[in-house]
Amino acid sequence: MDNDKQRNVNLMDLFILILKYKGLILSVVFLGTAALSTYSMLHYRGQTAVADPLNPSGVYYSECIIEPDGVSADVLKATFMSRDLARRVIETNSLMPVIKDVLLDEADKTKTQEAPLQLNEIQVRLSKQLGFKNEKEIITLTFISPSGEYPARMLTYYLKASSDVFREGALSGNENRKRALSRQLQYETDPVLKARMSDRIIYFVEVAQKTKDAPYYGFAVIDPPTPPMIQIDPKQRTGKTYPNYVMIVLLFILASFLLAVFLAFCIEKLRKAKREDPERFEQIKKYLHLRAK
């Protein structure tokens, strides 16, 4: 019981001490925090990159989400990343006059400026700028470009070109089967088989029409290409890490508060010693001097 009472008295004394020296405590916390903030601003000001909207220090990208529909994800990847599809995209959409605006800069920029780009080189570089990520049959396509005008447009071109590849293959196979049945129908004499063949031919015609009318073939577009967004160019990252200012300030405030309470406790003890034990107080004053003996 006496121990509990003693603890309550000590806590009350501490609370009274904090209230008594609240001005000192608040001053120490405020001045310490202000000094830390000033130092942080001056020290890291020259190391912080400021984005320039007229000259962005990154590349633009767009992404879309598709799902395989009648074609496996592996076949989709092989088709999207192929050079033939890149060539089709270039030729179908007449991209050669603006291809330098679409492609990312090479490490050797003099080569791009002096020598004309070859189609094979363009195909390789376009395939590198196209990203293909498959997670549980949900595919995310990404295209990056130095200009914000082209990422979404290029994804649209790729979607249409790949869809045309799958559509042409399906229509070709469907047409071959229909022709084979039509030739067989000319020589068939059994009326029952002729009726079945005719129904099958009608079915192939309907399938061909549905294949032509589908906006995309071989996959379904879940989320169309997003508007261009900007990301930091990995080549321009310095690798430096900057401190968590919020956490540092909070910890510094706590440390300043504890330091101020300790100073208040020392001042209170010194004042008490001056009143109740002047001899010991004089000793403290004596030993506070640097050259005390």
Protein backbone atom coordinates (compact mmCIF):
# COMPACT_ATOMS: atom_id res chain seq x y z
CA MET A 1 0.00 0.00 0.00
CA ASP A 2 2.84 2.37 0.88
CA ASN A 3 4.62 1.49 -2.37
CA ASP A 4 1.52 2.35 -4.46
CA LYS A 5 1.17 5.63 -2.62
CA GLN A 6 4.85 6.41 -3.19
CA ARG A 7 4.46 5.72 -6.94
CA ASN A 8 1.44 8.02 -7.16
CA VAL A 9 3.36 10.77 -5.36
CA ASN A 10 6.33 10.39 -7.72
CA LEU A 11 4.10 10.56 -10.81
CA MET A 12 2.33 13.59 -9.44
CA ASP A 13 5.67 15.29 -8.74
CA LEU A 14 6.79 14.57 -12.29
CA PHE A 15 3.54 15.97 -13.71
CA ILE A 16 3.87 19.11 -11.59
CA LEU A 17 7.49 19.46 -12.71
CA ILE A 18 6.48 19.28 -16.39
CA LEU A 19 3.76 21.90 -15.89
CA LYS A 20 6.10 24.13 -13.93
CA TYR A 21 8.75 24.14 -16.66
CA LYS A 22 6.41 23.84 -19.63
CA GLY A 23 7.88 26.99 -21.17
CA LEU A 24 11.38 25.54 -21.12
CA ILE A 25 10.20 22.17 -22.43
CA LEU A 26 8.20 23.69 -25.32
CA SER A 27 11.09 25.99 -26.19
CA VAL A 28 13.61 23.15 -26.37
CA VAL A 29 11.26 21.00 -28.47
CA PHE A 30 10.40 23.87 -30.83
CA LEU A 31 13.98 25.09 -31.29
CA GLY A 32 15.32 21.57 -31.78
CA THR A 33 12.67 20.69 -34.37
CA ALA A 34 13.21 23.98 -36.20
CA ALA A 35 16.97 23.38 -36.29
CA LEU A 36 16.48 19.84 -37.64
CA SER A 37 14.05 21.03 -40.33
CA THR A 38 16.40 23.79 -41.43
CA TYR A 39 19.33 21.39 -41.65
CA SER A 40 17.31 18.86 -43.65
CA MET A 41 16.13 21.49 -46.14
CA LEU A 42 19.64 22.86 -46.68
CA HIS A 43 21.33 19.45 -46.80
CA TYR A 44 18.95 17.64 -49.18
CA ARG A 45 17.79 20.58 -51.27
CA GLY A 46 20.48 20.05 -53.89
CA GLN A 47 19.84 16.29 -54.00
CA THR A 48 16.13 16.38 -54.76
CA ALA A 49 15.07 16.11 -58.39
CA VAL A 50 12.26 18.42 -59.46
CA ALA A 51 10.08 17.21 -62.31
CA ASP A 52 9.99 19.54 -65.31
CA PRO A 53 6.71 19.10 -67.22
CA LEU A 54 8.29 20.53 -70.38
CA ASN A 55 11.31 18.23 -70.19
CA PRO A 56 10.35 15.14 -68.18
CA SER A 57 13.16 13.02 -66.76
CA GLY A 58 11.43 9.75 -67.53
CA VAL A 59 9.50 7.79 -70.13
CA TYR A 60 5.80 7.47 -70.81
CA TYR A 61 3.93 4.21 -70.62
CA SER A 62 0.48 2.79 -71.13
CA GLU A 63 -0.93 -0.56 -70.18
CA CYS A 64 -3.94 -2.72 -70.90
CA ILE A 65 -5.28 -6.03 -69.61
CA ILE A 66 -6.40 -8.90 -71.83
CA GLU A 67 -7.55 -12.47 -71.31
CA PRO A 68 -6.91 -15.41 -73.68
CA ASP A 69 -9.99 -16.50 -75.62
CA GLY A 70 -9.44 -19.61 -77.71
CA VAL A 71 -5.67 -19.08 -77.77
CA SER A 72 -3.22 -20.06 -75.04
CA ALA A 73 -1.24 -17.46 -73.11
CA ASP A 74 2.02 -18.87 -74.47
CA VAL A 75 0.84 -18.46 -78.05
CA LEU A 76 -0.29 -14.92 -77.26
CA LYS A 77 3.12 -14.08 -75.84
CA ALA A 78 4.96 -15.57 -78.81
CA THR A 79 2.76 -13.59 -81.19
CA PHE A 80 2.95 -10.25 -79.37
CA MET A 81 6.73 -10.44 -78.93
CA SER A 82 7.46 -11.61 -82.49
CA ARG A 83 9.29 -9.50 -85.03
CA ASP A 84 6.67 -10.29 -87.65
CA LEU A 85 3.98 -8.60 -85.57
CA ALA A 86 6.23 -5.57 -85.05
CA ARG A 87 6.75 -5.37 -88.82
CA ARG A 88 3.01 -5.61 -89.40
CA VAL A 89 2.37 -2.80 -86.88
CA ILE A 90 4.94 -0.58 -88.60
CA GLU A 91 3.75 -1.20 -92.14
CA THR A 92 0.01 -1.20 -91.45
CA ASN A 93 0.10 2.10 -89.55
CA SER A 94 2.84 3.82 -91.64
CA LEU A 95 5.08 4.43 -88.64
CA MET A 96 8.40 4.79 -90.44
CA PRO A 97 8.25 8.64 -90.69
CA VAL A 98 7.74 8.96 -86.91
CA ILE A 99 9.51 5.85 -85.67
CA LYS A 100 12.32 7.83 -84.00
CA ASP A 101 9.72 9.50 -81.78
CA VAL A 102 8.35 6.10 -80.78
CA LEU A 103 11.65 4.38 -79.98
CA LEU A 104 13.62 4.87 -76.79
CA ASP A 105 17.07 6.38 -77.13
CA GLU A 106 19.94 3.95 -77.50
CA ALA A 107 23.07 4.07 -75.42
CA ASP A 108 24.91 4.92 -78.64
CA LYS A 109 22.94 7.96 -79.79
CA THR A 110 25.39 8.85 -82.59
CA LYS A 111 24.40 5.74 -84.47
CA THR A 112 20.73 6.69 -84.43
CA GLN A 113 21.41 10.22 -85.59
CA GLU A 114 23.89 9.44 -88.37
CA ALA A 115 22.70 6.16 -89.87
CA PRO A 116 19.10 5.42 -90.93
CA LEU A 117 17.33 2.81 -88.87
CA GLN A 118 16.92 -0.59 -90.46
CA LEU A 119 13.62 -2.44 -90.27
CA ASN A 120 15.18 -5.39 -88.46
CA GLU A 121 16.64 -3.08 -85.79
CA ILE A 122 13.30 -1.30 -85.36
CA GLN A 123 11.52 -4.63 -84.92
CA VAL A 124 13.92 -5.67 -82.16
CA ARG A 125 13.68 -2.36 -80.31
CA LEU A 126 9.88 -2.26 -80.50
CA SER A 127 9.69 -5.78 -79.08
CA LYS A 128 11.87 -4.67 -76.15
CA GLN A 129 9.57 -1.72 -75.42
CA LEU A 130 6.52 -3.99 -75.28
CA GLY A 131 5.97 -5.68 -71.93
CA PHE A 132 4.03 -8.93 -71.47
CA LYS A 133 3.13 -10.11 -67.97
CA ASN A 134 0.96 -13.16 -67.38
CA GLU A 135 -0.59 -13.82 -63.96
CA LYS A 136 -3.11 -16.67 -63.83
CA GLU A 137 -4.22 -16.18 -67.44
CA ILE A 138 -4.69 -12.43 -66.91
CA ILE A 139 -2.21 -10.67 -69.18
CA THR A 140 -0.96 -7.11 -68.71
CA LEU A 141 0.53 -5.47 -71.79
CA THR A 142 2.75 -2.41 -71.37
CA PHE A 143 4.37 -0.15 -73.93
CA ILE A 144 6.92 2.54 -73.09
CA SER A 145 8.00 5.46 -75.25
CA PRO A 146 9.83 8.78 -74.81
CA SER A 147 6.76 10.60 -76.13
CA GLY A 148 3.40 10.58 -74.39
CA GLU A 149 1.67 10.54 -77.76
CA TYR A 150 2.47 6.95 -78.63
CA PRO A 151 2.20 4.42 -75.73
CA ALA A 152 -1.59 4.02 -75.81
CA ARG A 153 -1.65 4.30 -79.59
CA MET A 154 1.00 1.61 -80.00
CA LEU A 155 -0.86 -0.76 -77.69
CA THR A 156 -3.98 -0.24 -79.79
CA TYR A 157 -1.96 -1.01 -82.93
CA TYR A 158 -0.55 -4.16 -81.34
CA LEU A 159 -3.98 -5.35 -80.21
CA LYS A 160 -5.45 -4.89 -83.66
CA ALA A 161 -2.48 -6.44 -85.45
CA SER A 162 -2.37 -9.53 -83.24
CA SER A 163 -6.13 -9.91 -83.47
CA ASP A 164 -5.87 -9.78 -87.27
CA VAL A 165 -3.20 -12.50 -87.18
CA PHE A 166 -5.45 -14.86 -85.20
CA ARG A 167 -8.52 -13.85 -87.20
CA GLU A 168 -6.82 -14.54 -90.53
CA GLY A 169 -5.66 -17.94 -89.32
CA ALA A 170 -9.15 -18.88 -88.11
CA LEU A 171 -10.82 -17.64 -91.31
CA SER A 172 -8.30 -19.49 -93.46
CA GLY A 173 -8.88 -22.79 -91.66
CA ASN A 174 -12.63 -22.27 -91.72
CA GLU A 175 -12.58 -21.51 -95.46
CA ASN A 176 -10.50 -24.62 -96.23
CA ARG A 177 -12.94 -26.85 -94.35
CA LYS A 178 -15.90 -25.24 -96.10
CA ARG A 179 -14.33 -25.75 -99.53
CA ALA A 180 -13.54 -29.39 -98.77
CA LEU A 181 -17.15 -29.98 -97.77
CA SER A 182 -18.44 -28.15 -100.84
CA ARG A 183 -16.37 -30.36 -103.18
CA GLN A 184 -17.52 -33.47 -101.35
CA LEU A 185 -21.13 -32.27 -101.56
CA GLN A 186 -20.96 -32.14 -105.37
CA TYR A 187 -20.32 -35.89 -105.59
CA GLU A 188 -22.54 -37.00 -102.71
CA THR A 189 -25.76 -38.77 -103.73
CA ASP A 190 -27.15 -39.71 -100.32
CA PRO A 191 -29.79 -37.07 -99.51
CA VAL A 192 -29.31 -37.46 -95.75
CA LEU A 193 -25.55 -36.89 -95.96
CA LYS A 194 -26.08 -34.02 -98.41
CA ALA A 195 -28.41 -32.32 -95.90
CA ARG A 196 -25.89 -32.73 -93.09
CA MET A 197 -23.10 -31.38 -95.28
CA SER A 198 -25.21 -28.39 -96.25
CA ASP A 199 -25.95 -27.64 -92.60
CA ARG A 200 -22.25 -27.92 -91.85
CA ILE A 201 -21.38 -25.51 -94.64
CA ILE A 202 -23.97 -23.03 -93.34
CA TYR A 203 -22.39 -23.38 -89.89
CA PHE A 204 -18.94 -22.54 -91.31
CA VAL A 205 -20.40 -19.47 -93.01
CA GLU A 206 -21.94 -18.30 -89.74
CA VAL A 207 -18.69 -18.92 -87.84
CA ALA A 208 -16.76 -16.93 -90.45
CA GLN A 209 -19.17 -14.03 -90.12
CA LYS A 210 -18.91 -14.02 -86.32
CA THR A 211 -15.14 -14.15 -86.60
CA LYS A 212 -15.15 -11.10 -88.90
CA ASP A 213 -17.56 -9.16 -86.68
CA ALA A 214 -15.65 -9.75 -83.42
CA PRO A 215 -13.73 -6.59 -82.37
CA TYR A 216 -10.80 -8.76 -81.23
CA TYR A 217 -10.09 -12.40 -81.95
CA GLY A 218 -7.97 -14.75 -79.85
CA PHE A 219 -8.31 -12.68 -76.70
CA ALA A 220 -10.73 -10.44 -74.84
CA VAL A 221 -9.79 -6.92 -73.81
CA ILE A 222 -10.67 -6.52 -70.13
CA ASP A 223 -9.17 -3.06 -69.69
CA PRO A 224 -8.30 -0.94 -72.77
CA PRO A 225 -5.02 0.99 -73.03
CA THR A 226 -4.73 3.61 -70.32
CA PRO A 227 -3.86 7.26 -71.01
CA PRO A 228 -0.09 7.81 -71.03
CA MET A 229 1.56 7.95 -67.61
CA ILE A 230 5.12 8.92 -66.79
CA GLN A 231 7.63 6.80 -64.94
CA ILE A 232 11.18 7.55 -63.85
CA ASP A 233 13.78 6.34 -66.30
CA PRO A 234 15.88 3.67 -64.50
CA LYS A 235 19.01 5.01 -66.26
CA GLN A 236 18.53 8.37 -64.56
CA ARG A 237 18.14 7.04 -61.04
CA THR A 238 21.11 7.82 -58.83
CA GLY A 239 20.55 4.92 -56.45
CA LYS A 240 20.48 7.28 -53.46
CA THR A 241 17.96 6.77 -50.70
CA TYR A 242 16.57 9.65 -48.71
CA PRO A 243 15.50 9.54 -45.06
CA ASN A 244 11.97 9.26 -43.81
CA TYR A 245 11.50 12.87 -42.68
CA VAL A 246 8.26 12.25 -40.81
CA MET A 247 9.74 9.46 -38.70
CA ILE A 248 12.90 11.46 -38.01
CA VAL A 249 10.94 14.53 -36.90
CA LEU A 250 8.68 12.48 -34.61
CA LEU A 251 11.64 10.73 -33.00
CA PHE A 252 13.48 14.03 -32.63
CA ILE A 253 10.45 15.64 -30.95
CA LEU A 254 10.30 12.74 -28.50
CA ALA A 255 14.03 12.98 -27.80
CA SER A 256 13.79 16.76 -27.36
CA PHE A 257 10.90 16.34 -24.94
CA LEU A 258 12.83 13.81 -22.83
CA LEU A 259 15.90 16.05 -22.87
CA ALA A 260 13.81 19.06 -21.80
CA VAL A 261 12.25 17.08 -18.94
CA PHE A 262 15.72 16.02 -17.84
CA LEU A 263 16.90 19.65 -17.88
CA ALA A 264 13.83 20.71 -15.91
CA PHE A 265 14.53 17.97 -13.36
CA CYS A 266 18.16 19.14 -13.02
CA ILE A 267 17.14 22.78 -12.60
CA GLU A 268 14.59 21.86 -9.97
CA LYS A 269 17.15 19.79 -8.07
CA LEU A 270 19.67 22.63 -8.21
CA ARG A 271 17.15 25.13 -6.87
CA LYS A 272 16.18 22.73 -4.12
CA ALA A 273 19.84 22.18 -3.24
CA LYS A 274 20.43 25.94 -3.14
CA ARG A 275 17.65 26.36 -0.57
CA GLU A 276 18.19 23.28 1.56
CA ASP A 277 21.89 22.49 1.18
CA PRO A 278 23.89 25.63 0.28
CA GLU A 279 27.22 23.92 0.91
CA ARG A 280 26.58 21.19 -1.66
CA PHE A 281 25.23 23.79 -4.08
CA GLU A 282 28.51 25.73 -3.82
CA GLN A 283 30.39 22.54 -4.57
CA ILE A 284 28.29 22.00 -7.70
CA LYS A 285 29.00 25.57 -8.85
CA LYS A 286 32.69 25.04 -8.18
CA TYR A 287 32.94 21.83 -10.22
CA LEU A 288 30.90 23.28 -13.08
CA HIS A 289 33.87 25.46 -14.01
CA LEU A 290 36.19 23.91 -16.56
CA ARG A 291 39.29 24.65 -14.51
CA ALA A 292 37.83 23.54 -11.21
CA LYS A 293 40.30 21.94 -8.82
